[in-house]
Every structure is written in structure tokens, then in C-alpha cells.
Amino acid sequence: MTEPDQPDAQRAIDLKHLRRAIELGDLAVTQGNHPFGSVLVSGAGEVLAEGMNSHSIDKGPGHAEANLARTAAREFDIATLRDATLYTSVEPCSMCSGTIYWAEIGTVVFGMTERLLGEMTGDDPENPTQDLECRQIFASGRRPVDVRGPFPELEDRIVAQHRAFWRSGADE
């Protein structure tokens, strides 16, 4: 579900922070990791924290969104978190959605769906995506989590980022 009725000012803010999440994904790759990044922004528009992927087969799941949500839950009070927005380049997986929910973050904005990522990576053992939308996970909770995304105007950039990464990994 895209956000065609979103006010222009909010859409511009969302695109700005999503672009930063994409940049963090690029940075994660330069550090030897998967191309995922996320940004936590307060209700007042202040960037509170940023996260990158730190996942590895031998050390376990360290997804950008879960890393950021865990850090935020330790550093900020619940009122701040419920008023905050977590921006991420790709829709949070079920693990990350659960972590975001339990961290009490109030809004999630993503650029590209996890379903599309799964179609791109196929059966790559380093990206065993589940076909489960974050909206479904959040809707099963007892408190609301607002979700905006995907953003079609960023899809080509995110797809290119992931195609470059997953193809290079497959060639090694």
C-alpha cells in the first residue's frame, strides 16, 4: 500500500529520512555487511539515532531496524518512542517488526516491500525472508503502530542497491 494521499510536506520529510536510511545501507556494505540502514526521528523532527545491519551467519541476526529499536528502547522514554518514527529502506521483517513493537516506537516508514526483496534474493541463505507484511504484525498487537510505505519514487534506487549487493555475494 502506497501513501498517495499523504500531504506533500510529510512526504518530503519521509523521503529525506528514507534517503538517509539508504545511505546507511550503502555504508553498511562498505563495512562488510548487508545493505540495510534505519533512522529514528523524534516527533519534533530531530534525528535521535541511526542504525545499520550487523548480521552475520556466525554471530546471528543484527538487522538494522532491530539494532536501532533495541538501542532506542534503552536510551529513550516511552513517550519519546511512541512519538518517534523509524525510517528504513526495506520493510521490516517479522523479527524487526516485533522488536519495533516491543520498543514502543509509534511509526514505521519504509521505502520498498520485503516481498520485493524476497523476489530479488530468492533462496539466498543469507536472506531467508518471510512473506509477512509488517502491517499484519503490528495489527496483531495491543497498541497501534502507524505504517507508511512503500515509496515508489525510491524503489529503483533501493532495488539497484540490493541487486548490486546480492549479485556480488553470489559471485564470491
N, C-alpha and C. Protein backbone atom coordinates (compact mmCIF):
# COMPACT_ATOMS: atom_id res chain seq x y z
N MET A 1 0.84 -1.16 0.00
CA MET A 1 0.00 0.00 0.00
C MET A 1 0.90 1.23 0.00
N THR A 2 0.72 2.09 -0.96
CA THR A 2 1.48 3.34 -1.00
C THR A 2 0.67 4.43 -0.33
N GLU A 3 1.23 5.58 -0.21
CA GLU A 3 0.61 6.69 0.52
C GLU A 3 0.29 7.84 -0.43
N PRO A 4 -0.64 7.65 -1.39
CA PRO A 4 -0.89 8.71 -2.37
C PRO A 4 -1.53 9.96 -1.78
N ASP A 5 -2.26 9.83 -0.66
CA ASP A 5 -2.95 10.98 -0.08
C ASP A 5 -2.13 11.69 0.98
N GLN A 6 -0.89 11.30 1.13
CA GLN A 6 -0.03 11.89 2.15
C GLN A 6 0.26 13.35 1.79
N PRO A 7 0.16 14.25 2.77
CA PRO A 7 0.48 15.67 2.49
C PRO A 7 1.90 15.82 1.95
N ASP A 8 2.07 16.77 1.05
CA ASP A 8 3.38 16.98 0.41
C ASP A 8 4.49 17.24 1.42
N ALA A 9 4.22 18.01 2.46
CA ALA A 9 5.26 18.34 3.45
C ALA A 9 5.71 17.08 4.18
N GLN A 10 4.77 16.22 4.59
CA GLN A 10 5.14 14.98 5.28
C GLN A 10 5.87 14.04 4.33
N ARG A 11 5.43 13.99 3.10
CA ARG A 11 6.08 13.12 2.11
C ARG A 11 7.53 13.56 1.90
N ALA A 12 7.77 14.84 1.84
CA ALA A 12 9.15 15.35 1.66
C ALA A 12 10.01 14.96 2.85
N ILE A 13 9.47 15.06 4.05
CA ILE A 13 10.21 14.66 5.25
C ILE A 13 10.50 13.17 5.21
N ASP A 14 9.50 12.38 4.86
CA ASP A 14 9.69 10.93 4.78
C ASP A 14 10.76 10.57 3.75
N LEU A 15 10.72 11.19 2.60
CA LEU A 15 11.72 10.90 1.56
C LEU A 15 13.12 11.27 2.01
N LYS A 16 13.25 12.39 2.71
CA LYS A 16 14.57 12.81 3.22
C LYS A 16 15.16 11.74 4.14
N HIS A 17 14.38 11.27 5.09
CA HIS A 17 14.89 10.29 6.05
C HIS A 17 15.06 8.90 5.43
N LEU A 18 14.20 8.57 4.48
CA LEU A 18 14.39 7.30 3.76
C LEU A 18 15.68 7.32 2.95
N ARG A 19 15.98 8.44 2.34
CA ARG A 19 17.25 8.54 1.59
C ARG A 19 18.44 8.36 2.52
N ARG A 20 18.35 8.87 3.72
CA ARG A 20 19.43 8.67 4.69
C ARG A 20 19.53 7.19 5.07
N ALA A 21 18.41 6.52 5.23
CA ALA A 21 18.43 5.08 5.53
C ALA A 21 19.11 4.31 4.40
N ILE A 22 18.85 4.70 3.17
CA ILE A 22 19.50 4.05 2.02
C ILE A 22 21.01 4.30 2.08
N GLU A 23 21.41 5.54 2.39
CA GLU A 23 22.85 5.85 2.53
C GLU A 23 23.49 4.99 3.61
N LEU A 24 22.79 4.79 4.72
CA LEU A 24 23.33 3.95 5.78
C LEU A 24 23.47 2.50 5.32
N GLY A 25 22.57 2.06 4.45
CA GLY A 25 22.70 0.72 3.86
C GLY A 25 23.96 0.63 3.01
N ASP A 26 24.25 1.67 2.25
CA ASP A 26 25.49 1.70 1.48
C ASP A 26 26.71 1.66 2.40
N LEU A 27 26.65 2.40 3.50
CA LEU A 27 27.74 2.42 4.47
C LEU A 27 27.92 1.04 5.10
N ALA A 28 26.83 0.37 5.41
CA ALA A 28 26.92 -0.98 5.98
C ALA A 28 27.68 -1.91 5.04
N VAL A 29 27.44 -1.79 3.74
CA VAL A 29 28.14 -2.62 2.76
C VAL A 29 29.64 -2.34 2.79
N THR A 30 30.03 -1.07 2.92
CA THR A 30 31.46 -0.76 2.97
C THR A 30 32.12 -1.34 4.21
N GLN A 31 31.31 -1.67 5.21
CA GLN A 31 31.82 -2.27 6.44
C GLN A 31 31.65 -3.79 6.44
N GLY A 32 31.36 -4.35 5.25
CA GLY A 32 31.28 -5.79 5.10
C GLY A 32 29.94 -6.39 5.50
N ASN A 33 28.88 -5.61 5.41
CA ASN A 33 27.59 -6.11 5.84
C ASN A 33 26.53 -5.98 4.76
N HIS A 34 25.33 -6.44 5.10
CA HIS A 34 24.19 -6.36 4.18
C HIS A 34 23.69 -4.93 4.08
N PRO A 35 23.08 -4.54 2.94
CA PRO A 35 22.72 -3.14 2.68
C PRO A 35 21.41 -2.68 3.31
N PHE A 36 21.41 -2.58 4.64
CA PHE A 36 20.21 -2.12 5.34
C PHE A 36 20.60 -1.03 6.33
N GLY A 37 19.79 0.02 6.38
CA GLY A 37 20.01 1.10 7.32
C GLY A 37 18.69 1.63 7.83
N SER A 38 18.71 2.27 8.98
CA SER A 38 17.50 2.84 9.54
C SER A 38 17.82 4.10 10.35
N VAL A 39 16.81 4.94 10.49
CA VAL A 39 16.94 6.23 11.17
C VAL A 39 15.74 6.40 12.09
N LEU A 40 15.98 6.84 13.33
CA LEU A 40 14.90 7.12 14.26
C LEU A 40 14.80 8.63 14.42
N VAL A 41 13.59 9.16 14.20
CA VAL A 41 13.36 10.60 14.22
C VAL A 41 12.27 10.91 15.25
N SER A 42 12.51 11.91 16.08
CA SER A 42 11.55 12.31 17.11
C SER A 42 10.32 12.95 16.48
N GLY A 43 9.28 13.10 17.28
CA GLY A 43 8.08 13.79 16.82
C GLY A 43 8.34 15.23 16.43
N ALA A 44 9.40 15.81 16.98
CA ALA A 44 9.78 17.19 16.66
C ALA A 44 10.68 17.27 15.42
N GLY A 45 11.04 16.11 14.85
CA GLY A 45 11.85 16.10 13.64
C GLY A 45 13.33 15.95 13.86
N GLU A 46 13.77 15.75 15.08
CA GLU A 46 15.19 15.58 15.40
C GLU A 46 15.62 14.12 15.19
N VAL A 47 16.73 13.93 14.51
CA VAL A 47 17.27 12.58 14.36
C VAL A 47 17.81 12.15 15.73
N LEU A 48 17.22 11.09 16.26
CA LEU A 48 17.60 10.58 17.58
C LEU A 48 18.73 9.56 17.50
N ALA A 49 18.70 8.73 16.46
CA ALA A 49 19.70 7.66 16.33
C ALA A 49 19.64 7.08 14.93
N GLU A 50 20.72 6.41 14.56
CA GLU A 50 20.79 5.71 13.27
C GLU A 50 21.29 4.30 13.51
N GLY A 51 20.90 3.39 12.61
CA GLY A 51 21.33 2.01 12.75
C GLY A 51 21.70 1.41 11.41
N MET A 52 22.58 0.42 11.48
CA MET A 52 22.98 -0.32 10.28
C MET A 52 22.93 -1.81 10.58
N ASN A 53 22.96 -2.57 9.52
CA ASN A 53 22.97 -4.02 9.66
C ASN A 53 24.28 -4.49 10.26
N SER A 54 24.20 -5.48 11.13
CA SER A 54 25.39 -6.13 11.67
C SER A 54 25.19 -7.63 11.70
N HIS A 55 24.38 -8.11 10.79
CA HIS A 55 24.04 -9.54 10.71
C HIS A 55 25.20 -10.34 10.14
N SER A 56 25.38 -11.52 10.68
CA SER A 56 26.33 -12.45 10.08
C SER A 56 25.89 -13.87 10.42
N ILE A 57 26.25 -14.80 9.58
CA ILE A 57 25.88 -16.20 9.77
C ILE A 57 26.42 -16.71 11.11
N ASP A 58 27.65 -16.34 11.46
CA ASP A 58 28.25 -16.87 12.68
C ASP A 58 27.86 -16.11 13.95
N LYS A 59 27.40 -14.86 13.82
CA LYS A 59 27.03 -14.08 15.01
C LYS A 59 25.54 -13.87 15.14
N GLY A 60 24.76 -14.29 14.17
CA GLY A 60 23.31 -14.19 14.28
C GLY A 60 22.73 -12.90 13.74
N PRO A 61 21.41 -12.75 13.94
CA PRO A 61 20.70 -11.62 13.33
C PRO A 61 21.02 -10.30 14.00
N GLY A 62 21.46 -9.36 13.20
CA GLY A 62 21.72 -8.00 13.64
C GLY A 62 21.15 -7.05 12.61
N HIS A 63 19.85 -7.14 12.38
CA HIS A 63 19.21 -6.29 11.38
C HIS A 63 19.21 -4.84 11.83
N ALA A 64 19.30 -3.94 10.88
CA ALA A 64 19.39 -2.50 11.19
C ALA A 64 18.25 -2.02 12.06
N GLU A 65 17.03 -2.42 11.73
CA GLU A 65 15.86 -1.94 12.47
C GLU A 65 15.85 -2.47 13.90
N ALA A 66 16.15 -3.75 14.07
CA ALA A 66 16.17 -4.33 15.41
C ALA A 66 17.31 -3.73 16.24
N ASN A 67 18.48 -3.56 15.62
CA ASN A 67 19.60 -2.93 16.33
C ASN A 67 19.20 -1.55 16.83
N LEU A 68 18.59 -0.76 15.94
CA LEU A 68 18.19 0.60 16.29
C LEU A 68 17.09 0.59 17.35
N ALA A 69 16.10 -0.27 17.21
CA ALA A 69 14.99 -0.32 18.17
C ALA A 69 15.49 -0.72 19.57
N ARG A 70 16.40 -1.69 19.65
CA ARG A 70 16.94 -2.09 20.95
C ARG A 70 17.72 -0.94 21.60
N THR A 71 18.53 -0.27 20.81
CA THR A 71 19.29 0.87 21.34
C THR A 71 18.35 1.97 21.80
N ALA A 72 17.34 2.28 21.00
CA ALA A 72 16.40 3.34 21.34
C ALA A 72 15.62 3.01 22.61
N ALA A 73 15.24 1.75 22.78
CA ALA A 73 14.48 1.35 23.97
C ALA A 73 15.30 1.55 25.25
N ARG A 74 16.61 1.43 25.13
CA ARG A 74 17.48 1.64 26.30
C ARG A 74 17.74 3.12 26.56
N GLU A 75 17.68 3.94 25.52
CA GLU A 75 18.10 5.34 25.65
C GLU A 75 16.98 6.36 25.81
N PHE A 76 15.75 6.01 25.39
CA PHE A 76 14.67 7.00 25.38
C PHE A 76 13.47 6.50 26.17
N ASP A 77 12.70 7.45 26.70
CA ASP A 77 11.49 7.08 27.44
C ASP A 77 10.37 6.68 26.48
N ILE A 78 9.35 6.04 27.01
CA ILE A 78 8.26 5.52 26.19
C ILE A 78 7.52 6.63 25.46
N ALA A 79 7.30 7.77 26.10
CA ALA A 79 6.60 8.87 25.42
C ALA A 79 7.37 9.33 24.18
N THR A 80 8.69 9.44 24.29
CA THR A 80 9.52 9.83 23.15
C THR A 80 9.43 8.78 22.05
N LEU A 81 9.50 7.51 22.43
CA LEU A 81 9.47 6.43 21.44
C LEU A 81 8.13 6.33 20.74
N ARG A 82 7.06 6.48 21.48
CA ARG A 82 5.72 6.39 20.85
C ARG A 82 5.47 7.54 19.90
N ASP A 83 6.17 8.64 20.08
CA ASP A 83 6.04 9.80 19.21
C ASP A 83 7.06 9.78 18.07
N ALA A 84 7.95 8.78 18.08
CA ALA A 84 9.05 8.71 17.11
C ALA A 84 8.66 7.91 15.87
N THR A 85 9.45 8.12 14.82
CA THR A 85 9.28 7.40 13.56
C THR A 85 10.58 6.71 13.21
N LEU A 86 10.49 5.42 12.90
CA LEU A 86 11.65 4.66 12.43
C LEU A 86 11.55 4.56 10.91
N TYR A 87 12.57 5.08 10.23
CA TYR A 87 12.65 5.04 8.77
C TYR A 87 13.61 3.92 8.38
N THR A 88 13.22 3.15 7.37
CA THR A 88 14.07 2.07 6.91
C THR A 88 13.89 1.85 5.42
N SER A 89 14.96 1.48 4.76
CA SER A 89 14.92 1.36 3.30
C SER A 89 14.00 0.23 2.85
N VAL A 90 14.00 -0.88 3.57
CA VAL A 90 13.17 -2.04 3.21
C VAL A 90 12.23 -2.33 4.37
N GLU A 91 11.02 -2.72 4.06
CA GLU A 91 10.01 -3.06 5.07
C GLU A 91 10.59 -3.98 6.13
N PRO A 92 10.35 -3.68 7.40
CA PRO A 92 10.90 -4.53 8.46
C PRO A 92 10.38 -5.96 8.38
N CYS A 93 11.27 -6.91 8.61
CA CYS A 93 10.90 -8.32 8.66
C CYS A 93 10.09 -8.58 9.93
N SER A 94 9.65 -9.80 10.11
CA SER A 94 8.84 -10.12 11.29
C SER A 94 9.64 -9.93 12.59
N MET A 95 10.91 -10.30 12.60
CA MET A 95 11.73 -10.11 13.80
C MET A 95 11.86 -8.62 14.13
N CYS A 96 12.17 -7.83 13.13
CA CYS A 96 12.35 -6.39 13.36
C CYS A 96 11.03 -5.73 13.74
N SER A 97 9.94 -6.15 13.11
CA SER A 97 8.63 -5.58 13.45
C SER A 97 8.30 -5.86 14.90
N GLY A 98 8.57 -7.07 15.36
CA GLY A 98 8.34 -7.40 16.76
C GLY A 98 9.20 -6.57 17.68
N THR A 99 10.45 -6.37 17.32
CA THR A 99 11.35 -5.58 18.15
C THR A 99 10.91 -4.12 18.18
N ILE A 100 10.49 -3.59 17.04
CA ILE A 100 9.99 -2.22 16.97
C ILE A 100 8.75 -2.08 17.86
N TYR A 101 7.86 -3.04 17.78
CA TYR A 101 6.64 -3.02 18.59
C TYR A 101 6.99 -3.00 20.08
N TRP A 102 7.84 -3.93 20.50
CA TRP A 102 8.19 -4.02 21.92
C TRP A 102 9.02 -2.84 22.40
N ALA A 103 9.71 -2.17 21.49
CA ALA A 103 10.46 -0.96 21.86
C ALA A 103 9.54 0.25 22.00
N GLU A 104 8.27 0.09 21.62
CA GLU A 104 7.24 1.14 21.76
C GLU A 104 7.36 2.25 20.73
N ILE A 105 8.03 2.01 19.62
CA ILE A 105 8.14 3.02 18.56
C ILE A 105 6.79 3.16 17.87
N GLY A 106 6.36 4.40 17.64
CA GLY A 106 5.00 4.65 17.20
C GLY A 106 4.72 4.60 15.71
N THR A 107 5.73 4.85 14.89
CA THR A 107 5.51 4.90 13.44
C THR A 107 6.70 4.26 12.72
N VAL A 108 6.39 3.57 11.63
CA VAL A 108 7.41 2.98 10.76
C VAL A 108 7.16 3.46 9.35
N VAL A 109 8.22 3.88 8.67
CA VAL A 109 8.14 4.30 7.27
C VAL A 109 9.21 3.52 6.51
N PHE A 110 8.80 2.85 5.43
CA PHE A 110 9.75 2.05 4.65
C PHE A 110 9.66 2.38 3.18
N GLY A 111 10.80 2.17 2.48
CA GLY A 111 10.88 2.51 1.07
C GLY A 111 10.38 1.43 0.12
N MET A 112 10.76 0.17 0.37
CA MET A 112 10.46 -0.94 -0.54
C MET A 112 9.92 -2.11 0.29
N THR A 113 9.04 -2.90 -0.29
CA THR A 113 8.47 -4.03 0.45
C THR A 113 9.46 -5.17 0.62
N GLU A 114 9.27 -5.91 1.70
CA GLU A 114 10.08 -7.10 1.92
C GLU A 114 9.76 -8.16 0.86
N ARG A 115 8.53 -8.18 0.39
CA ARG A 115 8.15 -9.14 -0.65
C ARG A 115 9.01 -8.97 -1.90
N LEU A 116 9.21 -7.71 -2.30
CA LEU A 116 10.05 -7.45 -3.47
C LEU A 116 11.49 -7.88 -3.20
N LEU A 117 11.98 -7.60 -2.01
CA LEU A 117 13.33 -8.04 -1.66
C LEU A 117 13.43 -9.57 -1.75
N GLY A 118 12.44 -10.26 -1.23
CA GLY A 118 12.42 -11.73 -1.30
C GLY A 118 12.42 -12.24 -2.73
N GLU A 119 11.70 -11.57 -3.59
CA GLU A 119 11.69 -11.96 -5.01
C GLU A 119 13.08 -11.78 -5.62
N MET A 120 13.79 -10.76 -5.19
CA MET A 120 15.12 -10.47 -5.73
C MET A 120 16.17 -11.46 -5.21
N THR A 121 16.10 -11.80 -3.93
CA THR A 121 17.15 -12.63 -3.33
C THR A 121 16.84 -14.12 -3.41
N GLY A 122 15.61 -14.48 -3.70
CA GLY A 122 15.26 -15.89 -3.86
C GLY A 122 15.59 -16.72 -2.63
N ASP A 123 16.30 -17.81 -2.84
CA ASP A 123 16.61 -18.71 -1.73
C ASP A 123 18.01 -18.48 -1.15
N ASP A 124 18.53 -17.26 -1.29
CA ASP A 124 19.84 -16.95 -0.73
C ASP A 124 19.81 -17.24 0.78
N PRO A 125 20.70 -18.10 1.27
CA PRO A 125 20.67 -18.46 2.69
C PRO A 125 20.95 -17.29 3.63
N GLU A 126 21.52 -16.22 3.13
CA GLU A 126 21.78 -15.05 3.97
C GLU A 126 20.58 -14.11 4.05
N ASN A 127 19.52 -14.40 3.30
CA ASN A 127 18.33 -13.54 3.34
C ASN A 127 17.06 -14.38 3.23
N PRO A 128 16.79 -15.21 4.24
CA PRO A 128 15.60 -16.06 4.18
C PRO A 128 14.34 -15.29 4.58
N THR A 129 13.91 -14.36 3.73
CA THR A 129 12.78 -13.50 4.04
C THR A 129 11.51 -14.31 4.23
N GLN A 130 10.61 -13.76 5.02
CA GLN A 130 9.28 -14.32 5.18
C GLN A 130 8.31 -13.42 4.43
N ASP A 131 7.27 -14.00 3.89
CA ASP A 131 6.28 -13.21 3.17
C ASP A 131 5.19 -12.81 4.16
N LEU A 132 5.52 -11.85 5.02
CA LEU A 132 4.61 -11.40 6.07
C LEU A 132 4.78 -9.90 6.23
N GLU A 133 3.76 -9.15 5.85
CA GLU A 133 3.85 -7.69 5.90
C GLU A 133 3.93 -7.19 7.34
N CYS A 134 4.70 -6.14 7.55
CA CYS A 134 4.82 -5.57 8.89
C CYS A 134 3.48 -5.06 9.39
N ARG A 135 2.63 -4.58 8.51
CA ARG A 135 1.31 -4.10 8.93
C ARG A 135 0.52 -5.20 9.63
N GLN A 136 0.65 -6.41 9.12
CA GLN A 136 -0.06 -7.53 9.72
C GLN A 136 0.46 -7.81 11.13
N ILE A 137 1.76 -7.75 11.29
CA ILE A 137 2.35 -7.99 12.61
C ILE A 137 1.91 -6.90 13.59
N PHE A 138 2.01 -5.64 13.17
CA PHE A 138 1.63 -4.54 14.05
C PHE A 138 0.14 -4.58 14.38
N ALA A 139 -0.68 -4.96 13.42
CA ALA A 139 -2.13 -5.01 13.65
C ALA A 139 -2.51 -6.07 14.69
N SER A 140 -1.65 -7.06 14.89
CA SER A 140 -1.96 -8.10 15.88
C SER A 140 -1.61 -7.67 17.30
N GLY A 141 -1.00 -6.50 17.46
CA GLY A 141 -0.63 -6.01 18.78
C GLY A 141 -1.76 -5.30 19.48
N ARG A 142 -1.48 -4.88 20.68
CA ARG A 142 -2.49 -4.22 21.51
C ARG A 142 -2.35 -2.71 21.53
N ARG A 143 -1.38 -2.20 20.79
CA ARG A 143 -1.24 -0.75 20.64
C ARG A 143 -0.96 -0.47 19.17
N PRO A 144 -1.39 0.68 18.71
CA PRO A 144 -1.21 0.97 17.28
C PRO A 144 0.24 1.33 16.93
N VAL A 145 0.65 0.92 15.75
CA VAL A 145 1.89 1.36 15.13
C VAL A 145 1.50 1.83 13.73
N ASP A 146 1.68 3.09 13.46
CA ASP A 146 1.36 3.62 12.13
C ASP A 146 2.44 3.20 11.16
N VAL A 147 2.03 2.91 9.92
CA VAL A 147 2.96 2.47 8.89
C VAL A 147 2.71 3.27 7.61
N ARG A 148 3.80 3.75 7.01
CA ARG A 148 3.72 4.40 5.70
C ARG A 148 4.75 3.73 4.80
N GLY A 149 4.33 3.39 3.61
CA GLY A 149 5.23 2.78 2.65
C GLY A 149 4.49 1.75 1.84
N PRO A 150 5.05 1.35 0.73
CA PRO A 150 6.33 1.74 0.14
C PRO A 150 6.26 3.09 -0.58
N PHE A 151 7.43 3.54 -1.01
CA PHE A 151 7.56 4.81 -1.73
C PHE A 151 8.10 4.51 -3.12
N PRO A 152 7.22 4.45 -4.11
CA PRO A 152 7.63 4.06 -5.47
C PRO A 152 8.76 4.88 -6.05
N GLU A 153 8.86 6.16 -5.69
CA GLU A 153 9.90 7.00 -6.25
C GLU A 153 11.30 6.62 -5.76
N LEU A 154 11.40 5.79 -4.73
CA LEU A 154 12.70 5.32 -4.23
C LEU A 154 12.99 3.88 -4.62
N GLU A 155 12.01 3.20 -5.15
CA GLU A 155 12.15 1.77 -5.41
C GLU A 155 13.32 1.44 -6.33
N ASP A 156 13.48 2.17 -7.42
CA ASP A 156 14.59 1.87 -8.35
C ASP A 156 15.94 1.96 -7.64
N ARG A 157 16.12 2.97 -6.80
CA ARG A 157 17.39 3.14 -6.07
C ARG A 157 17.63 1.98 -5.10
N ILE A 158 16.59 1.59 -4.38
CA ILE A 158 16.73 0.51 -3.40
C ILE A 158 16.94 -0.83 -4.11
N VAL A 159 16.21 -1.06 -5.19
CA VAL A 159 16.39 -2.28 -5.97
C VAL A 159 17.81 -2.36 -6.50
N ALA A 160 18.33 -1.26 -7.04
CA ALA A 160 19.70 -1.25 -7.57
C ALA A 160 20.70 -1.56 -6.46
N GLN A 161 20.51 -0.98 -5.29
CA GLN A 161 21.40 -1.22 -4.15
C GLN A 161 21.44 -2.71 -3.80
N HIS A 162 20.29 -3.33 -3.75
CA HIS A 162 20.23 -4.74 -3.36
C HIS A 162 20.67 -5.68 -4.49
N ARG A 163 20.33 -5.34 -5.71
CA ARG A 163 20.81 -6.19 -6.82
C ARG A 163 22.33 -6.20 -6.87
N ALA A 164 22.94 -5.05 -6.68
CA ALA A 164 24.40 -4.97 -6.69
C ALA A 164 25.00 -5.80 -5.56
N PHE A 165 24.40 -5.73 -4.40
CA PHE A 165 24.94 -6.46 -3.25
C PHE A 165 24.74 -7.96 -3.39
N TRP A 166 23.53 -8.40 -3.64
CA TRP A 166 23.24 -9.84 -3.63
C TRP A 166 23.91 -10.53 -4.82
N ARG A 167 24.04 -9.84 -5.93
CA ARG A 167 24.77 -10.43 -7.07
C ARG A 167 26.24 -10.60 -6.74
N SER A 168 26.83 -9.57 -6.08
CA SER A 168 28.25 -9.67 -5.75
C SER A 168 28.49 -10.79 -4.75
N GLY A 169 27.58 -10.94 -3.79
CA GLY A 169 27.71 -12.01 -2.81
C GLY A 169 27.61 -13.39 -3.44
N ALA A 170 26.76 -13.50 -4.47
CA ALA A 170 26.57 -14.80 -5.12
C ALA A 170 27.78 -15.17 -5.97
N ASP A 171 28.55 -14.18 -6.40
CA ASP A 171 29.70 -14.45 -7.27
C ASP A 171 30.94 -14.85 -6.47
N GLU A 172 30.91 -14.69 -5.16
CA GLU A 172 32.11 -14.97 -4.36
C GLU A 172 32.33 -16.45 -4.16
